[in-house]
């Protein structure tokens, strides 16, 4: 009967690392063969579907920047949104207690 020699700590780590890397390599190889067998394909987006929308410039924003008074409405919105906190702060500062 052969007597087994206990592994040193570094040898044990090397063996564990080898087993882990071998398992990872096997899993990676099996995953690629599994994906290769599946029939992935893509289809063109159908514009008649409610889940596919038109693409291109200005198609993903909820307003039309090409209208006549867009510039004025844009700046009115920006000034109102930026100025409101400051106007509230001034009003709170000067109001009677």
PDB file of N, CA and C in Angstrom:
ATOM      1  N   UNK A   1       0.822  -1.161   0.000  1.00  0.00           N
ATOM      2  CA  UNK A   1       0.000   0.000   0.000  1.00  0.00           C
ATOM      3  C   UNK A   1       0.877   1.238   0.000  1.00  0.00           C
ATOM      4  N   UNK A   2       0.597   2.151  -0.925  1.00  0.00           N
ATOM      5  CA  UNK A   2       1.403   3.356  -1.042  1.00  0.00           C
ATOM      6  C   UNK A   2       0.946   4.368  -0.004  1.00  0.00           C
ATOM      7  N   UNK A   3       1.926   5.011   0.533  1.00  0.00           N
ATOM      8  CA  UNK A   3       1.632   6.000   1.555  1.00  0.00           C
ATOM      9  C   UNK A   3       1.570   7.368   0.905  1.00  0.00           C
ATOM     10  N   UNK A   4       0.488   8.128   1.148  1.00  0.00           N
ATOM     11  CA  UNK A   4       0.359   9.440   0.523  1.00  0.00           C
ATOM     12  C   UNK A   4       1.075  10.477   1.363  1.00  0.00           C
ATOM     13  N   UNK A   5       1.708  11.367   0.656  1.00  0.00           N
ATOM     14  CA  UNK A   5       2.449  12.443   1.312  1.00  0.00           C
ATOM     15  C   UNK A   5       1.523  13.653   1.409  1.00  0.00           C
ATOM     16  N   UNK A   6       1.405  14.282   2.586  1.00  0.00           N
ATOM     17  CA  UNK A   6       0.531  15.446   2.688  1.00  0.00           C
ATOM     18  C   UNK A   6       1.063  16.606   1.845  1.00  0.00           C
ATOM     19  N   UNK A   7       0.151  17.323   1.217  1.00  0.00           N
ATOM     20  CA  UNK A   7       0.534  18.453   0.368  1.00  0.00           C
ATOM     21  C   UNK A   7       0.874  19.664   1.219  1.00  0.00           C
ATOM     22  N   UNK A   8       1.843  20.406   0.745  1.00  0.00           N
ATOM     23  CA  UNK A   8       2.158  21.655   1.441  1.00  0.00           C
ATOM     24  C   UNK A   8       1.049  22.662   1.147  1.00  0.00           C
ATOM     25  N   UNK A   9       1.036  23.737   1.896  1.00  0.00           N
ATOM     26  CA  UNK A   9      -0.007  24.735   1.738  1.00  0.00           C
ATOM     27  C   UNK A   9       0.018  25.346   0.334  1.00  0.00           C
ATOM     28  N   UNK A  10       1.200  25.648  -0.199  1.00  0.00           N
ATOM     29  CA  UNK A  10       1.284  26.243  -1.534  1.00  0.00           C
ATOM     30  C   UNK A  10       0.873  25.241  -2.610  1.00  0.00           C
ATOM     31  N   UNK A  11       1.202  23.975  -2.432  1.00  0.00           N
ATOM     32  CA  UNK A  11       0.791  22.956  -3.397  1.00  0.00           C
ATOM     33  C   UNK A  11      -0.727  22.786  -3.378  1.00  0.00           C
ATOM     34  N   UNK A  12      -1.313  22.847  -2.196  1.00  0.00           N
ATOM     35  CA  UNK A  12      -2.771  22.718  -2.076  1.00  0.00           C
ATOM     36  C   UNK A  12      -3.462  23.873  -2.785  1.00  0.00           C
ATOM     37  N   UNK A  13      -2.933  25.089  -2.611  1.00  0.00           N
ATOM     38  CA  UNK A  13      -3.504  26.256  -3.285  1.00  0.00           C
ATOM     39  C   UNK A  13      -3.372  26.140  -4.801  1.00  0.00           C
ATOM     40  N   UNK A  14      -2.243  25.665  -5.275  1.00  0.00           N
ATOM     41  CA  UNK A  14      -2.027  25.517  -6.710  1.00  0.00           C
ATOM     42  C   UNK A  14      -2.990  24.495  -7.296  1.00  0.00           C
ATOM     43  N   UNK A  15      -3.201  23.399  -6.560  1.00  0.00           N
ATOM     44  CA  UNK A  15      -4.118  22.374  -7.032  1.00  0.00           C
ATOM     45  C   UNK A  15      -5.551  22.910  -7.062  1.00  0.00           C
ATOM     46  N   UNK A  16      -5.947  23.646  -6.031  1.00  0.00           N
ATOM     47  CA  UNK A  16      -7.290  24.223  -5.991  1.00  0.00           C
ATOM     48  C   UNK A  16      -7.467  25.237  -7.116  1.00  0.00           C
ATOM     49  N   UNK A  17      -6.440  26.040  -7.372  1.00  0.00           N
ATOM     50  CA  UNK A  17      -6.502  27.019  -8.445  1.00  0.00           C
ATOM     51  C   UNK A  17      -6.617  26.331  -9.804  1.00  0.00           C
ATOM     52  N   UNK A  18      -5.877  25.232  -9.989  1.00  0.00           N
ATOM     53  CA  UNK A  18      -5.944  24.497 -11.249  1.00  0.00           C
ATOM     54  C   UNK A  18      -7.340  23.931 -11.470  1.00  0.00           C
ATOM     55  N   UNK A  19      -7.944  23.358 -10.420  1.00  0.00           N
ATOM     56  CA  UNK A  19      -9.290  22.795 -10.547  1.00  0.00           C
ATOM     57  C   UNK A  19     -10.309  23.884 -10.870  1.00  0.00           C
ATOM     58  N   UNK A  20     -10.153  25.051 -10.208  1.00  0.00           N
ATOM     59  CA  UNK A  20     -11.091  26.140 -10.437  1.00  0.00           C
ATOM     60  C   UNK A  20     -10.969  26.656 -11.877  1.00  0.00           C
ATOM     61  N   UNK A  21      -9.743  26.812 -12.359  1.00  0.00           N
ATOM     62  CA  UNK A  21      -9.543  27.289 -13.725  1.00  0.00           C
ATOM     63  C   UNK A  21     -10.031  26.265 -14.744  1.00  0.00           C
ATOM     64  N   UNK A  22      -9.843  24.990 -14.464  1.00  0.00           N
ATOM     65  CA  UNK A  22     -10.313  23.957 -15.375  1.00  0.00           C
ATOM     66  C   UNK A  22     -11.842  23.960 -15.444  1.00  0.00           C
ATOM     67  N   UNK A  23     -12.492  24.147 -14.308  1.00  0.00           N
ATOM     68  CA  UNK A  23     -13.953  24.186 -14.290  1.00  0.00           C
ATOM     69  C   UNK A  23     -14.470  25.409 -15.043  1.00  0.00           C
ATOM     70  N   UNK A  24     -13.791  26.543 -14.874  1.00  0.00           N
ATOM     71  CA  UNK A  24     -14.190  27.758 -15.581  1.00  0.00           C
ATOM     72  C   UNK A  24     -14.015  27.588 -17.086  1.00  0.00           C
ATOM     73  N   UNK A  25     -12.916  26.993 -17.486  1.00  0.00           N
ATOM     74  CA  UNK A  25     -12.679  26.768 -18.913  1.00  0.00           C
ATOM     75  C   UNK A  25     -13.732  25.830 -19.502  1.00  0.00           C
ATOM     76  N   UNK A  26     -14.070  24.785 -18.763  1.00  0.00           N
ATOM     77  CA  UNK A  26     -15.089  23.848 -19.238  1.00  0.00           C
ATOM     78  C   UNK A  26     -16.444  24.546 -19.367  1.00  0.00           C
ATOM     79  N   UNK A  27     -16.805  25.352 -18.346  1.00  0.00           N
ATOM     80  CA  UNK A  27     -18.080  26.067 -18.385  1.00  0.00           C
ATOM     81  C   UNK A  27     -18.110  27.046 -19.553  1.00  0.00           C
ATOM     82  N   UNK A  28     -17.013  27.753 -19.814  1.00  0.00           N
ATOM     83  CA  UNK A  28     -16.960  28.705 -20.926  1.00  0.00           C
ATOM     84  C   UNK A  28     -17.084  27.986 -22.267  1.00  0.00           C
ATOM     85  N   UNK A  29     -16.436  26.843 -22.396  1.00  0.00           N
ATOM     86  CA  UNK A  29     -16.498  26.095 -23.649  1.00  0.00           C
ATOM     87  C   UNK A  29     -17.914  25.575 -23.898  1.00  0.00           C
ATOM     88  N   UNK A  30     -18.579  25.108 -22.844  1.00  0.00           N
ATOM     89  CA  UNK A  30     -19.939  24.598 -23.000  1.00  0.00           C
ATOM     90  C   UNK A  30     -20.918  25.731 -23.298  1.00  0.00           C
ATOM     91  N   UNK A  31     -20.683  26.904 -22.719  1.00  0.00           N
ATOM     92  CA  UNK A  31     -21.585  28.030 -22.956  1.00  0.00           C
ATOM     93  C   UNK A  31     -21.516  28.482 -24.408  1.00  0.00           C
ATOM     94  N   UNK A  32     -20.327  28.520 -24.985  1.00  0.00           N
ATOM     95  CA  UNK A  32     -20.220  28.954 -26.381  1.00  0.00           C
ATOM     96  C   UNK A  32     -20.857  27.943 -27.310  1.00  0.00           C
ATOM     97  N   UNK A  33     -20.728  26.660 -27.004  1.00  0.00           N
ATOM     98  CA  UNK A  33     -21.350  25.669 -27.881  1.00  0.00           C
ATOM     99  C   UNK A  33     -22.871  25.715 -27.744  1.00  0.00           C
ATOM    100  N   UNK A  34     -23.375  26.034 -26.547  1.00  0.00           N
ATOM    101  CA  UNK A  34     -24.816  26.149 -26.341  1.00  0.00           C
ATOM    102  C   UNK A  34     -25.376  27.336 -27.116  1.00  0.00           C
ATOM    103  N   UNK A  35     -24.690  28.466 -27.083  1.00  0.00           N
ATOM    104  CA  UNK A  35     -25.143  29.650 -27.798  1.00  0.00           C
ATOM    105  C   UNK A  35     -25.062  29.422 -29.302  1.00  0.00           C
ATOM    106  N   UNK A  36     -24.054  28.710 -29.747  1.00  0.00           N
ATOM    107  CA  UNK A  36     -23.899  28.461 -31.171  1.00  0.00           C
ATOM    108  C   UNK A  36     -25.049  27.615 -31.710  1.00  0.00           C
ATOM    109  N   UNK A  37     -25.603  26.755 -30.864  1.00  0.00           N
ATOM    110  CA  UNK A  37     -26.710  25.913 -31.312  1.00  0.00           C
ATOM    111  C   UNK A  37     -28.027  26.669 -31.377  1.00  0.00           C
ATOM    112  N   UNK A  38     -28.159  27.743 -30.614  1.00  0.00           N
ATOM    113  CA  UNK A  38     -29.411  28.495 -30.632  1.00  0.00           C
ATOM    114  C   UNK A  38     -29.488  29.334 -31.895  1.00  0.00           C
ATOM    115  N   UNK A  39     -30.660  29.507 -32.411  1.00  0.00           N
ATOM    116  CA  UNK A  39     -30.831  30.249 -33.654  1.00  0.00           C
ATOM    117  C   UNK A  39     -31.189  31.703 -33.399  1.00  0.00           C
ATOM    118  N   UNK A  40     -30.206  32.496 -32.973  1.00  0.00           N
ATOM    119  CA  UNK A  40     -30.476  33.904 -32.741  1.00  0.00           C
ATOM    120  C   UNK A  40     -30.670  34.614 -34.069  1.00  0.00           C
ATOM    121  N   UNK A  41     -31.675  35.462 -34.131  1.00  0.00           N
ATOM    122  CA  UNK A  41     -31.883  36.257 -35.329  1.00  0.00           C
ATOM    123  C   UNK A  41     -32.559  37.556 -34.931  1.00  0.00           C
ATOM    124  N   UNK A  42     -32.446  38.540 -35.757  1.00  0.00           N
ATOM    125  CA  UNK A  42     -33.082  39.818 -35.480  1.00  0.00           C
ATOM    126  C   UNK A  42     -34.062  40.132 -36.591  1.00  0.00           C
ATOM    127  N   UNK A  43     -35.055  40.928 -36.266  1.00  0.00           N
ATOM    128  CA  UNK A  43     -36.023  41.344 -37.267  1.00  0.00           C
ATOM    129  C   UNK A  43     -36.090  42.859 -37.288  1.00  0.00           C
ATOM    130  N   UNK A  44     -36.504  43.390 -38.400  1.00  0.00           N
ATOM    131  CA  UNK A  44     -36.619  44.826 -38.552  1.00  0.00           C
ATOM    132  C   UNK A  44     -37.787  45.327 -37.718  1.00  0.00           C
ATOM    133  N   UNK A  45     -37.625  46.487 -37.088  1.00  0.00           N
ATOM    134  CA  UNK A  45     -38.707  47.056 -36.285  1.00  0.00           C
ATOM    135  C   UNK A  45     -39.875  47.415 -37.195  1.00  0.00           C
ATOM    136  N   UNK A  46     -41.051  47.013 -36.795  1.00  0.00           N
ATOM    137  CA  UNK A  46     -42.239  47.308 -37.580  1.00  0.00           C
ATOM    138  C   UNK A  46     -42.861  48.595 -37.051  1.00  0.00           C
ATOM    139  N   UNK A  47     -43.060  49.571 -37.920  1.00  0.00           N
ATOM    140  CA  UNK A  47     -43.569  50.858 -37.486  1.00  0.00           C
ATOM    141  C   UNK A  47     -45.044  50.796 -37.127  1.00  0.00           C
ATOM    142  N   UNK A  48     -45.758  49.767 -37.536  1.00  0.00           N
ATOM    143  CA  UNK A  48     -47.158  49.640 -37.193  1.00  0.00           C
ATOM    144  C   UNK A  48     -47.371  49.129 -35.781  1.00  0.00           C
ATOM    145  N   UNK A  49     -46.333  48.628 -35.156  1.00  0.00           N
ATOM    146  CA  UNK A  49     -46.429  48.091 -33.811  1.00  0.00           C
ATOM    147  C   UNK A  49     -46.413  49.223 -32.788  1.00  0.00           C
ATOM    148  N   UNK A  50     -47.198  49.104 -31.710  1.00  0.00           N
ATOM    149  CA  UNK A  50     -47.172  50.155 -30.685  1.00  0.00           C
ATOM    150  C   UNK A  50     -45.896  50.127 -29.846  1.00  0.00           C
ATOM    151  N   UNK A  51     -45.058  49.116 -30.013  1.00  0.00           N
ATOM    152  CA  UNK A  51     -43.849  48.994 -29.215  1.00  0.00           C
ATOM    153  C   UNK A  51     -42.601  49.459 -29.949  1.00  0.00           C
ATOM    154  N   UNK A  52     -42.711  49.839 -31.196  1.00  0.00           N
ATOM    155  CA  UNK A  52     -41.577  50.348 -31.957  1.00  0.00           C
ATOM    156  C   UNK A  52     -41.935  51.730 -32.478  1.00  0.00           C
ATOM    157  N   UNK A  53     -41.079  52.674 -32.170  1.00  0.00           N
ATOM    158  CA  UNK A  53     -41.350  54.051 -32.541  1.00  0.00           C
ATOM    159  C   UNK A  53     -40.372  54.505 -33.620  1.00  0.00           C
ATOM    160  N   UNK A  54     -40.723  55.568 -34.293  1.00  0.00           N
ATOM    161  CA  UNK A  54     -39.856  56.096 -35.338  1.00  0.00           C
ATOM    162  C   UNK A  54     -38.543  56.577 -34.725  1.00  0.00           C
ATOM    163  N   UNK A  55     -37.483  56.462 -35.470  1.00  0.00           N
ATOM    164  CA  UNK A  55     -36.181  56.898 -35.004  1.00  0.00           C
ATOM    165  C   UNK A  55     -35.713  58.068 -35.838  1.00  0.00           C
ATOM    166  N   UNK A  56     -34.750  58.793 -35.301  1.00  0.00           N
ATOM    167  CA  UNK A  56     -34.178  59.907 -36.025  1.00  0.00           C
ATOM    168  C   UNK A  56     -34.126  61.154 -35.166  1.00  0.00           C
ATOM    169  N   UNK A  57     -33.614  62.236 -35.731  1.00  0.00           N
ATOM    170  CA  UNK A  57     -33.482  63.459 -34.955  1.00  0.00           C
ATOM    171  C   UNK A  57     -34.845  64.011 -34.532  1.00  0.00           C
ATOM    172  N   UNK A  58     -34.933  64.475 -33.294  1.00  0.00           N
ATOM    173  CA  UNK A  58     -36.120  65.108 -32.709  1.00  0.00           C
ATOM    174  C   UNK A  58     -37.307  64.165 -32.591  1.00  0.00           C
ATOM    175  N   UNK A  59     -37.119  62.867 -32.704  1.00  0.00           N
ATOM    176  CA  UNK A  59     -38.251  61.951 -32.584  1.00  0.00           C
ATOM    177  C   UNK A  59     -38.415  61.439 -31.161  1.00  0.00           C
ATOM    178  N   UNK A  60     -37.436  61.678 -30.298  1.00  0.00           N
ATOM    179  CA  UNK A  60     -37.517  61.137 -28.944  1.00  0.00           C
ATOM    180  C   UNK A  60     -37.758  62.220 -27.899  1.00  0.00           C
ATOM    181  N   UNK A  61     -38.225  63.395 -28.284  1.00  0.00           N
ATOM    182  CA  UNK A  61     -38.512  64.466 -27.338  1.00  0.00           C
ATOM    183  C   UNK A  61     -39.996  64.806 -27.393  1.00  0.00           C
ATOM    184  N   UNK A  62     -40.568  65.221 -26.265  1.00  0.00           N
ATOM    185  CA  UNK A  62     -42.021  65.426 -26.219  1.00  0.00           C
ATOM    186  C   UNK A  62     -42.481  66.798 -26.702  1.00  0.00           C
ATOM    187  N   UNK A  63     -41.668  67.499 -27.458  1.00  0.00           N
ATOM    188  CA  UNK A  63     -42.056  68.805 -27.987  1.00  0.00           C
ATOM    189  C   UNK A  63     -41.431  68.974 -29.360  1.00  0.00           C
ATOM    190  N   UNK A  64     -41.904  69.964 -30.095  1.00  0.00           N
ATOM    191  CA  UNK A  64     -41.408  70.192 -31.449  1.00  0.00           C
ATOM    192  C   UNK A  64     -40.597  71.490 -31.472  1.00  0.00           C
ATOM    193  N   UNK A  65     -39.270  71.410 -31.600  1.00  0.00           N
ATOM    194  CA  UNK A  65     -38.448  72.619 -31.602  1.00  0.00           C
ATOM    195  C   UNK A  65     -38.500  73.388 -32.925  1.00  0.00           C
ATOM    196  N   UNK A  66     -39.253  72.915 -33.882  1.00  0.00           N
ATOM    197  CA  UNK A  66     -39.306  73.590 -35.178  1.00  0.00           C
ATOM    198  C   UNK A  66     -40.486  74.550 -35.300  1.00  0.00           C
ATOM    199  N   UNK A  67     -41.269  74.713 -34.232  1.00  0.00           N
ATOM    200  CA  UNK A  67     -42.411  75.621 -34.306  1.00  0.00           C
ATOM    201  C   UNK A  67     -41.951  77.076 -34.264  1.00  0.00           C
ATOM    202  N   UNK A  68     -42.869  77.974 -34.563  1.00  0.00           N
ATOM    203  CA  UNK A  68     -42.534  79.387 -34.722  1.00  0.00           C
ATOM    204  C   UNK A  68     -42.080  80.039 -33.405  1.00  0.00           C
ATOM    205  N   UNK A  69     -42.778  79.804 -32.304  1.00  0.00           N
ATOM    206  CA  UNK A  69     -42.466  80.473 -31.046  1.00  0.00           C
ATOM    207  C   UNK A  69     -41.777  79.557 -30.041  1.00  0.00           C
ATOM    208  N   UNK A  70     -41.118  78.534 -30.515  1.00  0.00           N
ATOM    209  CA  UNK A  70     -40.434  77.617 -29.612  1.00  0.00           C
ATOM    210  C   UNK A  70     -39.384  78.333 -28.793  1.00  0.00           C
ATOM    211  N   UNK A  71     -38.618  79.232 -29.388  1.00  0.00           N
ATOM    212  CA  UNK A  71     -37.544  79.946 -28.707  1.00  0.00           C
ATOM    213  C   UNK A  71     -38.094  80.706 -27.494  1.00  0.00           C
ATOM    214  N   UNK A  72     -39.197  81.423 -27.669  1.00  0.00           N
ATOM    215  CA  UNK A  72     -39.773  82.205 -26.569  1.00  0.00           C
ATOM    216  C   UNK A  72     -40.334  81.294 -25.473  1.00  0.00           C
ATOM    217  N   UNK A  73     -41.030  80.235 -25.863  1.00  0.00           N
ATOM    218  CA  UNK A  73     -41.581  79.322 -24.872  1.00  0.00           C
ATOM    219  C   UNK A  73     -40.479  78.596 -24.111  1.00  0.00           C
ATOM    220  N   UNK A  74     -39.404  78.243 -24.795  1.00  0.00           N
ATOM    221  CA  UNK A  74     -38.275  77.568 -24.152  1.00  0.00           C
ATOM    222  C   UNK A  74     -37.673  78.449 -23.071  1.00  0.00           C
ATOM    223  N   UNK A  75     -37.362  79.712 -23.418  1.00  0.00           N
ATOM    224  CA  UNK A  75     -36.726  80.596 -22.443  1.00  0.00           C
ATOM    225  C   UNK A  75     -37.681  80.986 -21.333  1.00  0.00           C
ATOM    226  N   UNK A  76     -38.960  81.103 -21.601  1.00  0.00           N
ATOM    227  CA  UNK A  76     -39.921  81.372 -20.534  1.00  0.00           C
ATOM    228  C   UNK A  76     -39.952  80.204 -19.539  1.00  0.00           C
ATOM    229  N   UNK A  77     -39.920  78.998 -20.041  1.00  0.00           N
ATOM    230  CA  UNK A  77     -39.901  77.820 -19.185  1.00  0.00           C
ATOM    231  C   UNK A  77     -38.625  77.766 -18.354  1.00  0.00           C
ATOM    232  N   UNK A  78     -37.477  78.030 -18.973  1.00  0.00           N
ATOM    233  CA  UNK A  78     -36.196  77.981 -18.270  1.00  0.00           C
ATOM    234  C   UNK A  78     -36.100  79.068 -17.198  1.00  0.00           C
ATOM    235  N   UNK A  79     -36.516  80.284 -17.523  1.00  0.00           N
ATOM    236  CA  UNK A  79     -36.452  81.384 -16.551  1.00  0.00           C
ATOM    237  C   UNK A  79     -37.390  81.115 -15.384  1.00  0.00           C
ATOM    238  N   UNK A  80     -38.572  80.603 -15.673  1.00  0.00           N
ATOM    239  CA  UNK A  80     -39.516  80.280 -14.605  1.00  0.00           C
ATOM    240  C   UNK A  80     -38.951  79.195 -13.690  1.00  0.00           C
ATOM    241  N   UNK A  81     -38.431  78.142 -14.271  1.00  0.00           N
ATOM    242  CA  UNK A  81     -37.888  77.038 -13.478  1.00  0.00           C
ATOM    243  C   UNK A  81     -36.664  77.423 -12.673  1.00  0.00           C
ATOM    244  N   UNK A  82     -35.809  78.271 -13.224  1.00  0.00           N
ATOM    245  CA  UNK A  82     -34.597  78.680 -12.513  1.00  0.00           C
ATOM    246  C   UNK A  82     -34.906  79.773 -11.508  1.00  0.00           C
ATOM    247  N   UNK A  83     -35.817  80.683 -11.824  1.00  0.00           N
ATOM    248  CA  UNK A  83     -36.083  81.830 -10.971  1.00  0.00           C
ATOM    249  C   UNK A  83     -37.020  81.560  -9.819  1.00  0.00           C
ATOM    250  N   UNK A  84     -37.862  80.539  -9.925  1.00  0.00           N
ATOM    251  CA  UNK A  84     -38.845  80.262  -8.874  1.00  0.00           C
ATOM    252  C   UNK A  84     -38.211  80.021  -7.503  1.00  0.00           C
ATOM    253  N   UNK A  85     -37.170  79.208  -7.361  1.00  0.00           N
ATOM    254  CA  UNK A  85     -36.583  79.017  -6.024  1.00  0.00           C
ATOM    255  C   UNK A  85     -36.030  80.317  -5.433  1.00  0.00           C
ATOM    256  N   UNK A  86     -35.456  81.155  -6.275  1.00  0.00           N
ATOM    257  CA  UNK A  86     -34.923  82.417  -5.776  1.00  0.00           C
ATOM    258  C   UNK A  86     -36.052  83.368  -5.376  1.00  0.00           C
ATOM    259  N   UNK A  87     -37.115  83.401  -6.155  1.00  0.00           N
ATOM    260  CA  UNK A  87     -38.263  84.242  -5.809  1.00  0.00           C
ATOM    261  C   UNK A  87     -38.891  83.778  -4.497  1.00  0.00           C
ATOM    262  N   UNK A  88     -38.981  82.485  -4.282  1.00  0.00           N
ATOM    263  CA  UNK A  88     -39.526  81.949  -3.034  1.00  0.00           C
ATOM    264  C   UNK A  88     -38.626  82.321  -1.864  1.00  0.00           C
ATOM    265  N   UNK A  89     -37.307  82.226  -2.053  1.00  0.00           N
ATOM    266  CA  UNK A  89     -36.366  82.580  -0.984  1.00  0.00           C
ATOM    267  C   UNK A  89     -36.498  84.051  -0.612  1.00  0.00           C
ATOM    268  N   UNK A  90     -36.609  84.935  -1.606  1.00  0.00           N
ATOM    269  CA  UNK A  90     -36.770  86.366  -1.321  1.00  0.00           C
ATOM    270  C   UNK A  90     -38.096  86.612  -0.614  1.00  0.00           C
ATOM    271  N   UNK A  91     -39.146  85.970  -1.051  1.00  0.00           N
ATOM    272  CA  UNK A  91     -40.465  86.151  -0.422  1.00  0.00           C
ATOM    273  C   UNK A  91     -40.438  85.684   1.041  1.00  0.00           C
ATOM    274  N   UNK A  92     -39.797  84.536   1.297  1.00  0.00           N
ATOM    275  CA  UNK A  92     -39.689  84.034   2.670  1.00  0.00           C
ATOM    276  C   UNK A  92     -38.847  84.956   3.545  1.00  0.00           C
ATOM    277  N   UNK A  93     -37.822  85.567   2.951  1.00  0.00           N
ATOM    278  CA  UNK A  93     -36.945  86.456   3.720  1.00  0.00           C
ATOM    279  C   UNK A  93     -37.690  87.723   4.134  1.00  0.00           C
ATOM    280  N   UNK A  94     -38.474  88.304   3.257  1.00  0.00           N
ATOM    281  CA  UNK A  94     -39.109  89.586   3.524  1.00  0.00           C
ATOM    282  C   UNK A  94     -40.516  89.512   4.099  1.00  0.00           C
ATOM    283  N   UNK A  95     -41.089  88.324   4.228  1.00  0.00           N
ATOM    284  CA  UNK A  95     -42.462  88.250   4.720  1.00  0.00           C
ATOM    285  C   UNK A  95     -42.486  88.501   6.225  1.00  0.00           C
ATOM    286  N   UNK A  96     -43.603  88.991   6.712  1.00  0.00           N
ATOM    287  CA  UNK A  96     -43.737  89.284   8.131  1.00  0.00           C
ATOM    288  C   UNK A  96     -43.850  87.982   8.913  1.00  0.00           C
ATOM    289  N   UNK A  97     -43.268  87.985  10.094  1.00  0.00           N
ATOM    290  CA  UNK A  97     -43.281  86.759  10.895  1.00  0.00           C
ATOM    291  C   UNK A  97     -44.525  86.627  11.661  1.00  0.00           C
TER     292      UNK A  97
END
